[in-house]
Amino acid sequence: MALFDGLFQPRYQTRLVRGGDEPLYLPADDACPWHRVIFARGFYASALHEVSHWCIAGARRRWLEDYGYWYLPDGRDARQQRDFEAVEVAPQALELLFSRACGLPFNVSVDNLGEVEVDREGFQARVEARADRYLREGLPGRAAAFRQALAAFYGDGASLEEAVASGRRWLEPVESRAVETID
């Protein structure tokens, strides 16, 4: 949370917030001066996943609750599950890269406990292929900066201040050439 806030609160007025049972993104409003990336129950995987969505969302979407995404709960039919997996490949690929930067395990989430047969291994392969593509072609600017800060802090043993500075230094040049994928 401190790494995210240190990197993004000053420039994007956005904070990472521990929440309750369900994750949620809330834009700033009259009651709160900053945008909130709210993750579930203090789980690191939820935090990294929600940050990955934020890193992909363009400026317009960051003014919409939950970025204007649709979400269907457990029990999706086969078509709905395919649609869900299609939009989840990129954020879960970033989550995979963030987890690796922290030295933490990653598990794909197919997020469906319904009666539809889910190809977990196939989805895992698509997520890993997308992560590899990010590594070859470059991550979105905010994702690259966050990954750098995580790697500095968790991998290199940098202090919080050093890790945030590392991410900030990397953000500027990357952001100028990286394109946000969802407006």
Protein backbone atom coordinates (compact mmCIF):
# COMPACT_ATOMS: atom_id res chain seq x y z
CA MET A 1 0.00 0.00 0.00
CA ALA A 2 2.80 2.39 0.88
CA LEU A 3 4.60 1.72 -2.40
CA PHE A 4 1.45 2.31 -4.43
CA ASP A 5 0.49 5.43 -2.50
CA GLY A 6 4.02 6.79 -2.67
CA LEU A 7 4.11 6.35 -6.43
CA PHE A 8 0.62 7.35 -7.40
CA GLN A 9 -1.10 9.46 -4.78
CA PRO A 10 0.81 12.68 -5.59
CA ARG A 11 0.39 12.49 -9.36
CA TYR A 12 -2.87 10.55 -9.80
CA GLN A 13 -4.62 11.33 -6.49
CA THR A 14 -5.11 7.58 -6.07
CA ARG A 15 -4.61 5.38 -3.01
CA LEU A 16 -4.62 1.63 -2.41
CA VAL A 17 -7.09 0.81 0.38
CA ARG A 18 -7.68 -2.39 2.35
CA GLY A 19 -11.38 -3.24 2.15
CA GLY A 20 -13.92 -5.84 3.15
CA ASP A 21 -15.27 -8.83 1.26
CA GLU A 22 -15.33 -7.40 -2.26
CA PRO A 23 -12.81 -5.34 -4.20
CA LEU A 24 -13.97 -2.09 -5.75
CA TYR A 25 -12.62 0.99 -7.49
CA LEU A 26 -14.14 4.31 -6.45
CA PRO A 27 -13.27 7.60 -8.11
CA ALA A 28 -12.83 10.73 -6.00
CA ASP A 29 -16.04 12.46 -5.01
CA ASP A 30 -17.36 15.09 -2.62
CA ALA A 31 -16.77 12.80 0.36
CA CYS A 32 -13.24 11.72 -0.57
CA PRO A 33 -10.59 13.78 -2.40
CA TRP A 34 -8.73 10.80 -3.88
CA HIS A 35 -9.53 7.80 -6.04
CA ARG A 36 -9.54 4.47 -4.19
CA VAL A 37 -8.35 1.08 -5.40
CA ILE A 38 -10.00 -1.09 -2.75
CA PHE A 39 -8.80 -4.66 -2.35
CA ALA A 40 -10.46 -7.52 -0.47
CA ARG A 41 -9.68 -8.37 3.15
CA GLY A 42 -6.04 -7.38 3.10
CA PHE A 43 -5.06 -10.20 0.72
CA TYR A 44 -1.91 -9.35 -1.25
CA ALA A 45 -3.23 -11.19 -4.34
CA SER A 46 -6.37 -9.06 -4.30
CA ALA A 47 -4.29 -5.90 -3.95
CA LEU A 48 -2.03 -6.83 -6.86
CA HIS A 49 -5.01 -7.82 -9.00
CA GLU A 50 -6.90 -4.61 -8.35
CA VAL A 51 -3.78 -2.54 -9.00
CA SER A 52 -3.38 -4.35 -12.33
CA HIS A 53 -6.86 -3.21 -13.39
CA TRP A 54 -5.99 0.36 -12.37
CA CYS A 55 -2.75 0.22 -14.35
CA ILE A 56 -4.64 -0.70 -17.51
CA ALA A 57 -7.60 1.66 -17.14
CA GLY A 58 -7.34 4.86 -19.12
CA ALA A 59 -8.06 8.33 -17.76
CA ARG A 60 -11.77 8.30 -18.68
CA ARG A 61 -12.39 4.90 -17.07
CA ARG A 62 -10.65 6.01 -13.88
CA TRP A 63 -13.57 8.43 -13.33
CA LEU A 64 -16.11 5.57 -13.37
CA GLU A 65 -16.97 3.30 -10.45
CA ASP A 66 -15.22 -0.03 -11.04
CA TYR A 67 -13.96 1.58 -14.27
CA GLY A 68 -17.40 0.99 -15.79
CA TYR A 69 -16.69 -2.75 -16.06
CA TRP A 70 -19.44 -5.33 -16.00
CA TYR A 71 -19.12 -8.17 -13.58
CA LEU A 72 -21.17 -11.31 -13.38
CA PRO A 73 -20.89 -13.38 -10.21
CA ASP A 74 -20.29 -17.11 -9.99
CA GLY A 75 -22.55 -19.24 -12.12
CA ARG A 76 -21.68 -17.74 -15.53
CA ASP A 77 -22.62 -19.75 -18.60
CA ALA A 78 -19.97 -20.85 -21.12
CA ARG A 79 -20.22 -17.67 -23.26
CA GLN A 80 -20.11 -15.40 -20.23
CA GLN A 81 -17.09 -17.31 -18.91
CA ARG A 82 -15.27 -16.89 -22.26
CA ASP A 83 -16.03 -13.15 -22.17
CA PHE A 84 -14.78 -12.92 -18.58
CA GLU A 85 -11.54 -14.71 -19.39
CA ALA A 86 -10.97 -12.54 -22.48
CA VAL A 87 -11.03 -9.33 -20.41
CA GLU A 88 -9.08 -10.87 -17.53
CA VAL A 89 -6.01 -12.05 -19.46
CA ALA A 90 -4.21 -8.69 -19.46
CA PRO A 91 -4.83 -7.74 -15.81
CA GLN A 92 -3.95 -11.21 -14.60
CA ALA A 93 -0.76 -11.09 -16.69
CA LEU A 94 0.21 -7.89 -14.88
CA GLU A 95 -0.73 -9.48 -11.56
CA LEU A 96 1.58 -12.38 -12.42
CA LEU A 97 4.45 -9.96 -13.10
CA PHE A 98 3.73 -8.02 -9.90
CA SER A 99 3.68 -11.26 -7.89
CA ARG A 100 7.02 -12.31 -9.34
CA ALA A 101 8.49 -8.90 -8.51
CA CYS A 102 7.43 -9.46 -4.89
CA GLY A 103 8.65 -13.06 -4.83
CA LEU A 104 5.11 -14.23 -4.09
CA PRO A 105 3.11 -17.08 -5.63
CA PHE A 106 0.52 -16.37 -8.31
CA ASN A 107 -2.61 -18.34 -9.14
CA VAL A 108 -4.91 -17.50 -12.01
CA SER A 109 -8.48 -16.81 -11.07
CA VAL A 110 -11.18 -18.21 -13.32
CA ASP A 111 -13.62 -16.80 -10.79
CA ASN A 112 -16.51 -19.14 -11.56
CA LEU A 113 -17.89 -21.76 -9.22
CA GLY A 114 -20.83 -22.55 -11.47
CA GLU A 115 -21.50 -25.71 -13.42
CA VAL A 116 -19.56 -24.65 -16.54
CA GLU A 117 -16.41 -26.62 -17.28
CA VAL A 118 -13.49 -24.20 -16.95
CA ASP A 119 -10.15 -24.79 -18.70
CA ARG A 120 -7.92 -23.47 -15.93
CA GLU A 121 -4.70 -24.71 -17.58
CA GLY A 122 -5.64 -23.10 -20.90
CA PHE A 123 -6.40 -19.81 -19.19
CA GLN A 124 -3.12 -20.03 -17.24
CA ALA A 125 -1.27 -20.50 -20.53
CA ARG A 126 -2.97 -17.41 -22.04
CA VAL A 127 -2.10 -15.34 -18.96
CA GLU A 128 1.54 -16.47 -19.08
CA ALA A 129 1.74 -15.76 -22.82
CA ARG A 130 0.37 -12.25 -22.23
CA ALA A 131 2.89 -11.67 -19.42
CA ASP A 132 5.69 -12.73 -21.78
CA ARG A 133 4.35 -10.33 -24.40
CA TYR A 134 4.37 -7.50 -21.85
CA LEU A 135 8.00 -8.30 -21.08
CA ARG A 136 8.91 -8.23 -24.79
CA GLU A 137 6.85 -5.19 -25.81
CA GLY A 138 6.72 -3.19 -22.58
CA LEU A 139 4.24 -2.72 -19.80
CA PRO A 140 1.83 0.20 -19.56
CA GLY A 141 3.65 3.09 -17.85
CA ARG A 142 2.02 2.88 -14.43
CA ALA A 143 2.40 -0.91 -14.38
CA ALA A 144 6.08 -0.65 -15.27
CA ALA A 145 6.67 1.87 -12.49
CA PHE A 146 4.82 -0.23 -9.91
CA ARG A 147 6.64 -3.39 -10.94
CA GLN A 148 9.95 -1.55 -10.65
CA ALA A 149 9.09 -0.29 -7.15
CA LEU A 150 8.01 -3.78 -6.05
CA ALA A 151 11.19 -5.35 -7.40
CA ALA A 152 13.37 -2.73 -5.73
CA PHE A 153 11.65 -3.12 -2.37
CA TYR A 154 11.06 -6.87 -2.24
CA GLY A 155 13.85 -8.12 -4.49
CA ASP A 156 16.69 -5.69 -3.94
CA GLY A 157 15.99 -4.74 -0.33
CA ALA A 158 15.61 -1.04 -1.08
CA SER A 159 14.00 1.16 1.53
CA LEU A 160 10.44 2.36 0.93
CA GLU A 161 11.72 5.77 -0.12
CA GLU A 162 14.33 4.27 -2.46
CA ALA A 163 11.80 1.90 -4.02
CA VAL A 164 9.27 4.69 -4.62
CA ALA A 165 11.99 6.86 -6.12
CA SER A 166 13.04 3.95 -8.34
CA GLY A 167 9.49 3.57 -9.63
CA ARG A 168 9.06 7.31 -10.14
CA ARG A 169 12.30 7.55 -12.14
CA TRP A 170 11.10 4.74 -14.36
CA LEU A 171 7.57 6.09 -14.76
CA GLU A 172 8.41 9.21 -16.74
CA PRO A 173 10.19 7.70 -19.74
CA VAL A 174 7.96 4.62 -19.87
CA GLU A 175 4.72 6.58 -19.66
CA SER A 176 5.68 8.71 -22.63
CA ARG A 177 5.91 5.66 -24.91
CA ALA A 178 3.43 3.21 -23.38
CA VAL A 179 -0.22 3.27 -24.31
CA GLU A 180 -3.00 2.62 -21.83
CA THR A 181 -5.09 -0.19 -23.20
CA ILE A 182 -8.55 0.83 -22.06
CA ASP A 183 -9.77 4.40 -22.32
